[in-house]
N, C-alpha and C. Protein backbone atom coordinates (compact mmCIF):
# COMPACT_ATOMS: atom_id res chain seq x y z
N MET A 1 67.94 102.30 97.02
CA MET A 1 67.79 100.89 96.71
C MET A 1 68.50 100.61 95.40
N ALA A 2 69.56 99.80 95.47
CA ALA A 2 70.33 99.55 94.26
C ALA A 2 71.14 98.28 94.43
N LEU A 3 71.42 97.64 93.29
CA LEU A 3 72.31 96.49 93.29
C LEU A 3 73.74 96.95 93.50
N GLY A 4 74.60 96.01 93.83
CA GLY A 4 75.99 96.36 94.01
C GLY A 4 76.85 95.13 94.17
N LEU A 5 78.13 95.39 94.42
CA LEU A 5 79.11 94.32 94.61
C LEU A 5 79.96 94.62 95.84
N LEU A 6 80.54 93.57 96.41
CA LEU A 6 81.54 93.72 97.45
C LEU A 6 82.90 93.56 96.81
N GLY A 7 83.89 94.23 97.37
CA GLY A 7 85.22 94.15 96.80
C GLY A 7 86.30 94.46 97.81
N ARG A 8 87.54 94.36 97.33
CA ARG A 8 88.71 94.67 98.14
C ARG A 8 89.48 95.80 97.47
N LYS A 9 89.79 96.81 98.27
CA LYS A 9 90.58 97.92 97.76
C LYS A 9 92.03 97.46 97.58
N LYS A 10 92.57 97.67 96.37
CA LYS A 10 93.92 97.19 96.07
C LYS A 10 94.96 98.29 96.07
N GLY A 11 94.53 99.55 95.95
CA GLY A 11 95.49 100.64 95.95
C GLY A 11 95.16 101.64 94.85
N MET A 12 96.02 102.67 94.72
CA MET A 12 95.77 103.73 93.75
C MET A 12 96.84 103.74 92.65
N THR A 13 96.42 104.20 91.49
CA THR A 13 97.34 104.41 90.37
C THR A 13 96.78 105.54 89.53
N GLN A 14 97.25 105.67 88.30
CA GLN A 14 96.72 106.71 87.42
C GLN A 14 96.61 106.18 86.01
N VAL A 15 95.63 106.69 85.28
CA VAL A 15 95.45 106.32 83.89
C VAL A 15 95.35 107.61 83.07
N PHE A 16 95.52 107.46 81.75
CA PHE A 16 95.48 108.60 80.86
C PHE A 16 94.26 108.50 79.96
N THR A 17 93.57 109.62 79.77
CA THR A 17 92.43 109.67 78.87
C THR A 17 92.92 109.80 77.43
N ASP A 18 91.99 109.72 76.50
CA ASP A 18 92.35 109.88 75.09
C ASP A 18 92.89 111.28 74.81
N GLN A 19 92.52 112.25 75.64
CA GLN A 19 93.00 113.61 75.47
C GLN A 19 94.33 113.85 76.17
N GLY A 20 94.88 112.81 76.82
CA GLY A 20 96.17 112.92 77.48
C GLY A 20 96.09 113.42 78.91
N GLU A 21 94.88 113.51 79.48
CA GLU A 21 94.74 113.96 80.85
C GLU A 21 95.02 112.82 81.82
N VAL A 22 95.65 113.15 82.95
CA VAL A 22 95.94 112.16 83.98
C VAL A 22 94.75 112.07 84.93
N VAL A 23 94.27 110.84 85.17
CA VAL A 23 93.14 110.63 86.07
C VAL A 23 93.58 109.70 87.21
N PRO A 24 93.55 110.16 88.47
CA PRO A 24 93.89 109.27 89.60
C PRO A 24 92.74 108.29 89.84
N VAL A 25 93.06 107.02 89.97
CA VAL A 25 92.03 106.00 90.14
C VAL A 25 92.41 105.06 91.28
N THR A 26 91.37 104.49 91.89
CA THR A 26 91.55 103.43 92.88
C THR A 26 91.14 102.11 92.24
N VAL A 27 91.99 101.11 92.37
CA VAL A 27 91.72 99.79 91.82
C VAL A 27 91.00 98.95 92.87
N VAL A 28 89.85 98.40 92.49
CA VAL A 28 89.07 97.57 93.41
C VAL A 28 88.83 96.21 92.75
N GLN A 29 89.18 95.15 93.48
CA GLN A 29 88.82 93.80 93.02
C GLN A 29 87.40 93.55 93.48
N ALA A 30 86.45 93.68 92.56
CA ALA A 30 85.03 93.63 92.90
C ALA A 30 84.42 92.31 92.45
N GLY A 31 83.88 91.56 93.42
CA GLY A 31 83.23 90.30 93.08
C GLY A 31 84.26 89.23 92.73
N PRO A 32 83.77 88.11 92.16
CA PRO A 32 82.35 87.83 91.91
C PRO A 32 81.57 87.58 93.20
N CYS A 33 80.30 87.96 93.17
CA CYS A 33 79.41 87.79 94.31
C CYS A 33 78.26 86.86 93.92
N THR A 34 77.89 85.98 94.83
CA THR A 34 76.84 84.99 94.56
C THR A 34 75.58 85.34 95.35
N VAL A 35 74.44 85.26 94.70
CA VAL A 35 73.17 85.51 95.37
C VAL A 35 72.87 84.34 96.30
N ILE A 36 72.75 84.60 97.59
CA ILE A 36 72.53 83.55 98.58
C ILE A 36 71.05 83.41 98.92
N GLN A 37 70.33 84.53 98.99
CA GLN A 37 68.95 84.48 99.45
C GLN A 37 68.17 85.67 98.87
N LYS A 38 66.89 85.46 98.64
CA LYS A 38 65.99 86.53 98.20
C LYS A 38 65.03 86.85 99.33
N ARG A 39 64.87 88.13 99.63
CA ARG A 39 63.91 88.57 100.64
C ARG A 39 62.79 89.30 99.92
N THR A 40 61.56 88.87 100.18
CA THR A 40 60.42 89.41 99.45
C THR A 40 59.57 90.32 100.33
N LYS A 41 58.83 91.20 99.67
CA LYS A 41 57.98 92.13 100.40
C LYS A 41 56.87 91.40 101.14
N GLU A 42 56.41 90.28 100.57
CA GLU A 42 55.32 89.53 101.19
C GLU A 42 55.76 88.86 102.50
N LYS A 43 56.99 88.39 102.53
CA LYS A 43 57.47 87.63 103.70
C LYS A 43 58.23 88.51 104.70
N GLU A 44 59.22 89.25 104.21
CA GLU A 44 60.06 90.06 105.10
C GLU A 44 59.65 91.53 105.17
N GLY A 45 58.80 91.96 104.26
CA GLY A 45 58.37 93.35 104.28
C GLY A 45 59.14 94.25 103.35
N TYR A 46 60.14 93.72 102.64
CA TYR A 46 60.92 94.51 101.68
C TYR A 46 61.58 93.56 100.69
N ASN A 47 61.94 94.10 99.53
CA ASN A 47 62.62 93.31 98.51
C ASN A 47 64.13 93.51 98.63
N ALA A 48 64.85 92.41 98.69
CA ALA A 48 66.31 92.50 98.79
C ALA A 48 66.93 91.16 98.40
N ILE A 49 68.21 91.22 98.09
CA ILE A 49 68.98 89.99 97.88
C ILE A 49 70.16 90.00 98.84
N GLN A 50 70.50 88.81 99.30
CA GLN A 50 71.68 88.63 100.14
C GLN A 50 72.77 88.01 99.26
N VAL A 51 73.94 88.63 99.24
CA VAL A 51 75.02 88.12 98.40
C VAL A 51 76.21 87.72 99.27
N GLY A 52 76.96 86.76 98.78
CA GLY A 52 78.16 86.29 99.47
C GLY A 52 79.40 86.66 98.68
N PHE A 53 80.48 86.97 99.40
CA PHE A 53 81.74 87.38 98.77
C PHE A 53 82.90 86.63 99.41
N GLU A 54 83.80 86.11 98.61
CA GLU A 54 85.00 85.37 99.02
C GLU A 54 84.63 84.03 99.68
N VAL A 55 84.93 82.96 98.99
CA VAL A 55 84.63 81.62 99.48
C VAL A 55 85.48 81.32 100.71
N GLU A 56 84.83 80.80 101.74
CA GLU A 56 85.52 80.42 102.98
C GLU A 56 86.03 78.99 102.83
N LYS A 57 87.36 78.86 102.68
CA LYS A 57 87.95 77.52 102.52
C LYS A 57 87.93 76.73 103.83
N ARG A 58 88.12 77.42 104.95
CA ARG A 58 88.17 76.76 106.26
C ARG A 58 86.78 76.84 106.88
N THR A 59 85.93 75.90 106.51
CA THR A 59 84.54 75.93 106.97
C THR A 59 84.42 75.69 108.47
N GLY A 60 85.49 75.21 109.10
CA GLY A 60 85.45 75.02 110.55
C GLY A 60 85.32 76.32 111.30
N ARG A 61 85.59 77.44 110.64
CA ARG A 61 85.47 78.74 111.28
C ARG A 61 84.01 79.17 111.40
N LEU A 62 83.13 78.54 110.63
CA LEU A 62 81.72 78.93 110.64
C LEU A 62 80.96 78.19 111.72
N ASN A 63 79.96 78.84 112.29
CA ASN A 63 79.13 78.15 113.26
C ASN A 63 78.05 77.34 112.54
N LYS A 64 77.32 76.55 113.28
CA LYS A 64 76.36 75.63 112.68
C LYS A 64 75.23 76.34 111.92
N PRO A 65 74.64 77.41 112.48
CA PRO A 65 73.59 78.10 111.73
C PRO A 65 74.07 78.64 110.38
N ASP A 66 75.30 79.19 110.34
CA ASP A 66 75.83 79.70 109.08
C ASP A 66 76.05 78.58 108.07
N LYS A 67 76.59 77.46 108.54
CA LYS A 67 76.81 76.32 107.63
C LYS A 67 75.48 75.84 107.05
N ASN A 68 74.48 75.72 107.90
CA ASN A 68 73.17 75.24 107.43
C ASN A 68 72.56 76.23 106.44
N HIS A 69 72.82 77.51 106.63
CA HIS A 69 72.30 78.54 105.74
C HIS A 69 72.79 78.29 104.30
N PHE A 70 74.07 77.92 104.17
CA PHE A 70 74.62 77.67 102.84
C PHE A 70 74.25 76.27 102.32
N GLU A 71 74.31 75.28 103.21
CA GLU A 71 74.05 73.90 102.78
C GLU A 71 72.61 73.73 102.31
N LYS A 72 71.67 74.44 102.96
CA LYS A 72 70.27 74.32 102.57
C LYS A 72 70.06 74.76 101.12
N LYS A 73 70.88 75.71 100.68
CA LYS A 73 70.76 76.20 99.31
C LYS A 73 71.78 75.56 98.38
N LYS A 74 72.54 74.58 98.91
CA LYS A 74 73.54 73.84 98.14
C LYS A 74 74.56 74.79 97.50
N LEU A 75 75.06 75.71 98.33
CA LEU A 75 76.04 76.68 97.87
C LEU A 75 77.31 76.57 98.70
N GLU A 76 78.39 77.12 98.17
CA GLU A 76 79.63 77.18 98.93
C GLU A 76 79.48 78.15 100.10
N CYS A 77 80.36 77.99 101.09
CA CYS A 77 80.34 78.89 102.24
C CYS A 77 81.15 80.15 101.90
N PHE A 78 80.63 81.30 102.32
CA PHE A 78 81.29 82.57 102.02
C PHE A 78 81.70 83.28 103.31
N LYS A 79 82.77 84.07 103.20
CA LYS A 79 83.28 84.80 104.36
C LYS A 79 82.38 85.99 104.73
N THR A 80 81.89 86.69 103.72
CA THR A 80 81.18 87.94 103.97
C THR A 80 79.81 87.92 103.29
N LEU A 81 78.80 88.37 104.01
CA LEU A 81 77.44 88.47 103.47
C LEU A 81 76.97 89.92 103.59
N ARG A 82 76.26 90.39 102.56
CA ARG A 82 75.66 91.72 102.59
C ARG A 82 74.31 91.68 101.88
N GLU A 83 73.45 92.62 102.26
CA GLU A 83 72.14 92.75 101.62
C GLU A 83 72.10 93.98 100.72
N PHE A 84 71.41 93.84 99.60
CA PHE A 84 71.16 94.96 98.72
C PHE A 84 69.66 95.05 98.50
N ARG A 85 69.06 96.15 98.92
CA ARG A 85 67.63 96.33 98.70
C ARG A 85 67.38 96.73 97.25
N VAL A 86 66.40 96.11 96.65
CA VAL A 86 66.07 96.36 95.25
C VAL A 86 64.57 96.59 95.12
N GLU A 87 64.19 97.28 94.05
CA GLU A 87 62.78 97.54 93.81
C GLU A 87 62.08 96.28 93.29
N SER A 88 62.80 95.51 92.47
CA SER A 88 62.22 94.32 91.87
C SER A 88 63.21 93.16 91.95
N LEU A 89 62.68 91.94 92.11
CA LEU A 89 63.52 90.74 92.17
C LEU A 89 63.55 89.99 90.84
N GLU A 90 63.05 90.63 89.80
CA GLU A 90 63.07 89.99 88.48
C GLU A 90 64.51 89.78 88.01
N ASN A 91 64.74 88.66 87.34
CA ASN A 91 66.05 88.31 86.78
C ASN A 91 67.11 88.11 87.86
N LEU A 92 66.69 87.89 89.09
CA LEU A 92 67.61 87.60 90.19
C LEU A 92 67.23 86.27 90.82
N GLU A 93 68.15 85.31 90.80
CA GLU A 93 67.87 83.98 91.32
C GLU A 93 68.97 83.55 92.27
N VAL A 94 68.62 82.69 93.24
CA VAL A 94 69.61 82.14 94.18
C VAL A 94 70.64 81.33 93.40
N GLY A 95 71.91 81.57 93.69
CA GLY A 95 73.00 80.91 92.98
C GLY A 95 73.55 81.72 91.83
N GLN A 96 72.86 82.78 91.46
CA GLN A 96 73.33 83.62 90.35
C GLN A 96 74.60 84.35 90.76
N VAL A 97 75.55 84.45 89.83
CA VAL A 97 76.84 85.10 90.10
C VAL A 97 76.85 86.47 89.42
N MET A 98 77.20 87.49 90.20
CA MET A 98 77.31 88.85 89.68
C MET A 98 78.78 89.28 89.69
N ASN A 99 79.20 89.97 88.64
CA ASN A 99 80.59 90.43 88.56
C ASN A 99 80.63 91.88 88.09
N VAL A 100 81.82 92.33 87.69
CA VAL A 100 82.00 93.74 87.36
C VAL A 100 81.25 94.16 86.10
N THR A 101 80.74 93.21 85.33
CA THR A 101 79.96 93.58 84.15
C THR A 101 78.65 94.27 84.54
N LEU A 102 78.36 94.31 85.84
CA LEU A 102 77.21 95.05 86.34
C LEU A 102 77.38 96.56 86.10
N PHE A 103 78.65 96.98 85.92
CA PHE A 103 78.96 98.40 85.72
C PHE A 103 79.53 98.64 84.34
N GLN A 104 79.42 99.87 83.89
CA GLN A 104 79.99 100.30 82.62
C GLN A 104 80.81 101.56 82.82
N VAL A 105 81.75 101.79 81.92
CA VAL A 105 82.57 103.01 82.00
C VAL A 105 81.66 104.23 81.91
N GLY A 106 81.86 105.16 82.81
CA GLY A 106 81.03 106.36 82.86
C GLY A 106 79.93 106.31 83.89
N ASP A 107 79.63 105.12 84.43
CA ASP A 107 78.61 105.00 85.47
C ASP A 107 79.03 105.75 86.73
N LYS A 108 78.04 106.21 87.49
CA LYS A 108 78.28 106.81 88.80
C LYS A 108 77.95 105.79 89.88
N VAL A 109 78.81 105.66 90.87
CA VAL A 109 78.61 104.68 91.94
C VAL A 109 78.82 105.34 93.29
N ASN A 110 78.24 104.72 94.32
CA ASN A 110 78.51 105.08 95.72
C ASN A 110 79.34 103.97 96.33
N VAL A 111 80.35 104.33 97.11
CA VAL A 111 81.24 103.34 97.71
C VAL A 111 81.27 103.53 99.23
N GLN A 112 81.02 102.44 99.94
CA GLN A 112 81.02 102.46 101.40
C GLN A 112 82.21 101.66 101.92
N GLY A 113 82.91 102.23 102.88
CA GLY A 113 84.05 101.55 103.48
C GLY A 113 84.32 102.07 104.86
N VAL A 114 85.30 101.48 105.54
CA VAL A 114 85.68 101.88 106.89
C VAL A 114 87.05 102.55 106.82
N THR A 115 87.13 103.77 107.33
CA THR A 115 88.37 104.53 107.26
C THR A 115 89.45 103.89 108.13
N LYS A 116 90.70 104.27 107.88
CA LYS A 116 91.82 103.76 108.66
C LYS A 116 91.68 104.16 110.12
N GLY A 117 91.98 103.24 111.03
CA GLY A 117 91.95 103.55 112.44
C GLY A 117 93.20 104.29 112.87
N ARG A 118 93.02 105.40 113.62
CA ARG A 118 94.16 106.21 114.06
C ARG A 118 94.41 106.09 115.56
N GLY A 119 93.54 105.39 116.26
CA GLY A 119 93.71 105.27 117.70
C GLY A 119 93.32 106.55 118.43
N PHE A 120 93.82 106.72 119.65
CA PHE A 120 93.51 107.90 120.46
C PHE A 120 94.42 109.04 120.02
N GLN A 121 93.83 110.16 119.59
CA GLN A 121 94.61 111.28 119.08
C GLN A 121 94.23 112.57 119.78
N GLY A 122 95.15 113.53 119.75
CA GLY A 122 94.92 114.83 120.35
C GLY A 122 94.16 115.76 119.43
N VAL A 123 93.92 116.99 119.91
CA VAL A 123 93.07 117.91 119.16
C VAL A 123 93.74 118.42 117.90
N MET A 124 95.06 118.47 117.85
CA MET A 124 95.74 119.00 116.66
C MET A 124 95.58 118.05 115.48
N LYS A 125 95.75 116.79 115.71
CA LYS A 125 95.59 115.83 114.61
C LYS A 125 94.12 115.51 114.35
N ARG A 126 93.33 115.42 115.41
CA ARG A 126 91.94 115.00 115.26
C ARG A 126 91.07 116.12 114.69
N HIS A 127 91.30 117.36 115.11
CA HIS A 127 90.42 118.45 114.70
C HIS A 127 91.14 119.58 113.97
N GLY A 128 92.46 119.47 113.82
CA GLY A 128 93.19 120.50 113.10
C GLY A 128 93.40 121.78 113.87
N LYS A 129 93.38 121.71 115.21
CA LYS A 129 93.61 122.92 116.02
C LYS A 129 95.08 123.34 115.92
N HIS A 130 95.34 124.63 116.19
CA HIS A 130 96.68 125.16 116.01
C HIS A 130 97.63 124.82 117.16
N GLY A 131 97.10 124.59 118.35
CA GLY A 131 97.97 124.37 119.48
C GLY A 131 98.51 125.69 120.01
N GLY A 132 99.50 125.61 120.90
CA GLY A 132 100.06 126.81 121.51
C GLY A 132 101.47 127.09 121.03
N PRO A 133 102.16 128.06 121.65
CA PRO A 133 103.52 128.42 121.25
C PRO A 133 104.49 127.24 121.46
N ASP A 134 105.52 127.19 120.60
CA ASP A 134 106.51 126.11 120.70
C ASP A 134 107.77 126.52 121.45
N ALA A 135 107.76 127.71 122.01
CA ALA A 135 108.96 128.18 122.72
C ALA A 135 109.22 127.32 123.96
N HIS A 136 110.48 127.34 124.42
CA HIS A 136 110.86 126.50 125.56
C HIS A 136 110.09 126.88 126.83
N GLY A 137 109.81 128.15 126.99
CA GLY A 137 109.12 128.57 128.19
C GLY A 137 107.64 128.26 128.18
N SER A 138 107.10 127.91 127.02
CA SER A 138 105.67 127.64 126.93
C SER A 138 105.37 126.25 127.47
N ASP A 139 104.28 126.16 128.20
CA ASP A 139 103.85 124.86 128.71
C ASP A 139 102.55 124.45 128.01
N PHE A 140 102.37 125.00 126.80
CA PHE A 140 101.12 124.79 126.08
C PHE A 140 101.32 123.72 125.01
N HIS A 141 102.09 124.06 123.98
CA HIS A 141 102.43 123.15 122.86
C HIS A 141 101.18 122.54 122.22
N ARG A 142 100.93 121.25 122.40
CA ARG A 142 99.85 120.56 121.69
C ARG A 142 98.61 120.34 122.55
N ARG A 143 98.52 121.05 123.65
CA ARG A 143 97.36 120.87 124.53
C ARG A 143 96.10 121.49 123.93
N PRO A 144 94.92 121.04 124.38
CA PRO A 144 93.67 121.61 123.85
C PRO A 144 93.39 123.02 124.36
N GLY A 145 93.95 123.41 125.50
CA GLY A 145 93.68 124.73 126.04
C GLY A 145 92.42 124.75 126.87
N SER A 146 91.92 125.93 127.15
CA SER A 146 90.76 126.09 128.02
C SER A 146 89.51 125.56 127.34
N ILE A 147 88.68 124.84 128.09
CA ILE A 147 87.44 124.29 127.53
C ILE A 147 86.22 124.76 128.32
N GLY A 148 86.46 125.41 129.46
CA GLY A 148 85.35 125.74 130.34
C GLY A 148 84.77 127.11 130.07
N MET A 149 83.79 127.50 130.90
CA MET A 149 83.10 128.77 130.77
C MET A 149 83.23 129.55 132.08
N ARG A 150 82.75 130.78 132.07
CA ARG A 150 82.72 131.56 133.31
C ARG A 150 81.50 131.15 134.13
N THR A 151 81.08 132.01 135.03
CA THR A 151 79.95 131.66 135.91
C THR A 151 78.73 131.28 135.10
N GLN A 152 78.52 132.00 133.99
CA GLN A 152 77.42 131.66 133.10
C GLN A 152 77.98 131.13 131.79
N PRO A 153 77.62 129.95 131.34
CA PRO A 153 76.72 128.99 131.98
C PRO A 153 77.41 128.07 132.97
N GLY A 154 78.72 128.24 133.17
CA GLY A 154 79.41 127.46 134.19
C GLY A 154 79.55 125.98 133.89
N ARG A 155 79.67 125.65 132.62
CA ARG A 155 79.81 124.23 132.23
C ARG A 155 80.52 124.17 130.88
N VAL A 156 80.91 122.97 130.50
CA VAL A 156 81.50 122.75 129.17
C VAL A 156 80.36 122.50 128.18
N LEU A 157 80.34 123.25 127.10
CA LEU A 157 79.28 123.11 126.12
C LEU A 157 79.37 121.78 125.38
N LYS A 158 78.23 121.30 124.92
CA LYS A 158 78.19 120.06 124.15
C LYS A 158 78.97 120.21 122.85
N ASN A 159 79.47 119.08 122.35
CA ASN A 159 80.19 119.02 121.07
C ASN A 159 81.52 119.77 121.10
N MET A 160 82.08 119.98 122.27
CA MET A 160 83.40 120.57 122.37
C MET A 160 84.42 119.63 121.72
N LYS A 161 85.28 120.16 120.88
CA LYS A 161 86.26 119.33 120.18
C LYS A 161 87.37 118.95 121.15
N MET A 162 87.45 117.66 121.45
CA MET A 162 88.36 117.17 122.48
C MET A 162 89.19 116.01 121.92
N PRO A 163 90.26 115.60 122.64
CA PRO A 163 90.98 114.40 122.21
C PRO A 163 90.09 113.17 122.28
N GLY A 164 90.39 112.16 121.51
CA GLY A 164 89.59 110.93 121.54
C GLY A 164 89.94 109.99 120.40
N ARG A 165 89.15 108.96 120.28
CA ARG A 165 89.37 107.95 119.23
C ARG A 165 89.14 108.57 117.86
N MET A 166 90.02 108.24 116.94
CA MET A 166 89.94 108.81 115.60
C MET A 166 90.00 107.69 114.57
N GLY A 167 89.18 107.80 113.53
CA GLY A 167 89.20 106.79 112.46
C GLY A 167 88.28 105.63 112.74
N SER A 168 88.38 104.59 111.89
CA SER A 168 87.53 103.40 111.97
C SER A 168 86.05 103.77 111.89
N ASP A 169 85.74 104.75 111.05
CA ASP A 169 84.36 105.19 110.87
C ASP A 169 83.85 104.69 109.52
N GLN A 170 82.58 104.30 109.50
CA GLN A 170 81.97 103.88 108.24
C GLN A 170 81.61 105.12 107.43
N VAL A 171 82.10 105.17 106.19
CA VAL A 171 81.96 106.35 105.35
C VAL A 171 81.37 105.95 104.01
N LEU A 172 80.50 106.81 103.47
CA LEU A 172 79.93 106.59 102.14
C LEU A 172 80.39 107.72 101.22
N ILE A 173 81.12 107.36 100.17
CA ILE A 173 81.56 108.32 99.17
C ILE A 173 80.61 108.22 97.98
N GLN A 174 80.04 109.35 97.56
CA GLN A 174 79.00 109.33 96.53
C GLN A 174 79.51 109.86 95.19
N LYS A 175 78.85 109.38 94.14
CA LYS A 175 79.02 109.88 92.77
C LYS A 175 80.46 109.75 92.28
N LEU A 176 81.08 108.59 92.53
CA LEU A 176 82.38 108.32 91.92
C LEU A 176 82.17 107.77 90.51
N THR A 177 83.05 108.11 89.62
CA THR A 177 82.93 107.72 88.22
C THR A 177 83.71 106.44 87.95
N VAL A 178 83.10 105.51 87.23
CA VAL A 178 83.78 104.29 86.80
C VAL A 178 84.64 104.64 85.59
N VAL A 179 85.95 104.52 85.74
CA VAL A 179 86.88 104.87 84.67
C VAL A 179 87.22 103.65 83.82
N GLY A 180 87.28 102.47 84.45
CA GLY A 180 87.62 101.27 83.70
C GLY A 180 86.96 100.04 84.30
N VAL A 181 86.64 99.08 83.43
CA VAL A 181 86.06 97.80 83.85
C VAL A 181 86.88 96.68 83.20
N LYS A 182 87.43 95.78 84.03
CA LYS A 182 88.25 94.69 83.52
C LYS A 182 87.67 93.36 84.00
N PRO A 183 86.74 92.77 83.24
CA PRO A 183 86.07 91.53 83.68
C PRO A 183 87.04 90.37 83.87
N GLU A 184 88.09 90.30 83.04
CA GLU A 184 89.02 89.17 83.14
C GLU A 184 89.80 89.19 84.45
N GLU A 185 89.91 90.36 85.08
CA GLU A 185 90.64 90.48 86.35
C GLU A 185 89.71 90.81 87.52
N ASN A 186 88.41 90.85 87.26
CA ASN A 186 87.43 91.25 88.29
C ASN A 186 87.82 92.58 88.91
N ALA A 187 88.24 93.53 88.06
CA ALA A 187 88.76 94.80 88.56
C ALA A 187 87.90 95.96 88.08
N LEU A 188 87.72 96.93 88.98
CA LEU A 188 87.07 98.20 88.65
C LEU A 188 88.06 99.32 88.93
N LEU A 189 88.11 100.30 88.03
CA LEU A 189 88.91 101.50 88.24
C LEU A 189 87.96 102.64 88.53
N LEU A 190 88.03 103.18 89.74
CA LEU A 190 87.13 104.25 90.18
C LEU A 190 87.93 105.54 90.36
N LYS A 191 87.41 106.63 89.81
CA LYS A 191 88.10 107.90 89.88
C LYS A 191 88.13 108.42 91.32
N GLY A 192 89.33 108.78 91.79
CA GLY A 192 89.47 109.35 93.12
C GLY A 192 89.85 108.33 94.17
N ALA A 193 89.78 108.74 95.43
CA ALA A 193 90.21 107.92 96.56
C ALA A 193 89.01 107.27 97.24
N LEU A 194 89.27 106.13 97.89
CA LEU A 194 88.25 105.40 98.63
C LEU A 194 88.67 105.30 100.10
N PRO A 195 87.71 105.18 101.01
CA PRO A 195 88.07 105.05 102.43
C PRO A 195 88.69 103.69 102.71
N GLY A 196 89.58 103.66 103.71
CA GLY A 196 90.15 102.39 104.16
C GLY A 196 91.55 102.14 103.66
N ALA A 197 92.14 101.09 104.21
CA ALA A 197 93.49 100.69 103.84
C ALA A 197 93.45 99.70 102.68
N ARG A 198 94.62 99.36 102.17
CA ARG A 198 94.70 98.33 101.14
C ARG A 198 94.13 97.01 101.68
N GLU A 199 93.44 96.29 100.82
CA GLU A 199 92.77 95.04 101.15
C GLU A 199 91.56 95.25 102.05
N GLY A 200 91.17 96.50 102.26
CA GLY A 200 89.97 96.78 103.05
C GLY A 200 88.71 96.44 102.25
N LEU A 201 87.68 96.01 102.97
CA LEU A 201 86.42 95.65 102.33
C LEU A 201 85.64 96.91 101.97
N VAL A 202 85.14 96.97 100.74
CA VAL A 202 84.30 98.08 100.31
C VAL A 202 83.04 97.52 99.66
N VAL A 203 81.97 98.30 99.73
CA VAL A 203 80.70 97.95 99.09
C VAL A 203 80.42 98.98 98.02
N ILE A 204 80.20 98.53 96.79
CA ILE A 204 79.99 99.43 95.65
C ILE A 204 78.53 99.35 95.25
N TYR A 205 77.83 100.47 95.34
CA TYR A 205 76.42 100.54 95.00
C TYR A 205 76.25 101.19 93.63
N LYS A 206 75.43 100.58 92.79
CA LYS A 206 75.13 101.16 91.48
C LYS A 206 74.04 102.19 91.63
N ARG A 207 74.33 103.42 91.18
CA ARG A 207 73.34 104.49 91.26
C ARG A 207 72.37 104.38 90.09
N SER A 208 71.10 104.65 90.36
CA SER A 208 70.10 104.56 89.31
C SER A 208 70.14 105.80 88.42
């Protein structure tokens, strides 16, 4: 249970520490996010806030229930909504704006994103299998090879590594370090790589 922000992955670069060490970082445009709704333990059974990210200029894209959700609270319409479960709702009000000042240099964060989609792939790319000989006479090459069994048990075992859809998986990367905070640009510099492509949506959770 932790507060957080939504953001867009902008790409990777590198920064130098005071000791001259090179640190690879991912730049994330995080927030600003607006508190849309408070969920209480008495009413919903848990404490949480719903936040909105990126104002939706073309409100015609929204359906009537979504429009009423924002209009009832006299707020702008947002493209993306997410919930953050919290232990306490103190100092959190509807309409409040949260930005990168929620984090400080040195903080540890968890980042959730969706990996790049690779489509349907074979066993060599999907699972790192070696494949067969590349000689002209070989009819093996990139095939998966034998997958079956003999008379006992006479079936293909579960979890056999086979060709299939690869990527587009939701992934959580834990304990990333905040290297830089730039409030004037709504930017966070996080050490290491993040899942997803450029401009992909990521959720940054503040670790307690």
